Amino acid sequence: MGLETVQRTGNQSFLDSFALARPKVVVVGCGGAGGNSVDRLHRMGIHGARTVVVNTDAVHLDSIQADRKLLIGGGVTRGMGAGGRPEIGERCAEISEQELRNQIGDADLTFITVGLGGGTGTGVAPHVAELAQAAGSVVISLATTPFRAERGRMTNARAGIQRLRDRTDSLILLDNNRLLDLVPNLPVEQAFAVMDHLIGEVIKGITESITVPSLINLDFSDVRTILQSGGTSTVFYGENAENDPQRLVSETLNNPLLEVDYRGANGALIHISAGPGLRLRTAHEVVEGLTAAMRPDANVIFGVRVDKKYNGILRVLAIMTGVRSPMVDAVRESVSIADVVSDPESRSSIPDEFPRTNRRR
């Protein structure tokens, strides 16, 4: 029996007729920072997504909450981490490739969270992205970059950016240096929690906008259309009084989480949350203000969720795609870790296992 036309009576659900009607979403945190982001997301609660954390560090993995946790490369690292070497992280991912593939499964949408610059995240995340794309999933990577003072990690991060760009549909970069502007006086742990919370809001916002009914829905096809042609993307996030949309737009655009030139961006995915009193004109002013400097033919899709908990509040989450970033431009001039990973001499220097005394992550 064909499914070209389906009839239902009363309150019967059309979703029952289509196995693919609800998109399958998986969130994979790679390494320590990626795991922390997933831990935060898991504690926030997310509807419609399965959370997975992948690490080479058993101690850190034990401290994380997620639906699934995967310790990879145990024979190489003895669960003690990759020692800041991305080539070891990559090797561990190769050894555990089938387990990684099983965790991704047949997901329609895969989010990857990672802090670039270390060994596990930088080495594993591109491999996970490649496996997800090969399985037919749309891949969105959210990657934080190190502080400027972390020079060695920044070199690793630049190479990691290039490898992720080549294997992901949309790469959303988040610069830790922005924390110095946004929350300079917070204790370190709380400052990083702010970034984890923002990453959680992005993933939760996109996922629930396509899995939870809203006033103006985003569907999976909307997300795929915008993000599959995204290239480099960044996030704009803002919250203000519901009666002042212009101020919200100004503050949101002045606080991107990456140094970017968004003029000429080719796409935007905008999600607005507000109380029941939201006016159509207000929502339109927000979307129009956020996208005014984009290309005339830019693909802009927005959704609106109305909830009593946002009474008097207007919250916006915008992902702009096809932006220009000095950091990404600099990557093209950098030496790639891909060369290190594929270099026979470098690969031959990877030990069969780490010594028991090595506890660096």
Foldseek 3Di string as FASTA:
>chain_A
DDVPDDDDDDPDDPVVVDPPLQFEEEEEQKEQLRQVLLQLLVVVDFPRYFYEYEFCAPVSQVVGDGNYYYHFPCLAAVNQGDQQAQLSLQVRCVRCVVVLLVRLDLGQEYEYEAEAQGHNRLNNRLVSLQSNVVSVHAYEYEYEYDDVVSPNSNLRRLLSLVSNLVRHQEYAYFYLVLLCVVPVPDPPVVSSVVVSVVVSCVVRVVSCLQRPDAPFGDHPVNVCVFRNNFRYKWKFKFKDFLVCLVVRLVVRVVRIRAPWDLQAFQEKEKEKEAAPPHDPVSVVVNQCSNCVRYDPNHYYDYGYHHDHVRYRMIIMMMMTGPIDHPSNVVSVVHDHCVCLSPPPVNSVPRDSYDPPPDNRD
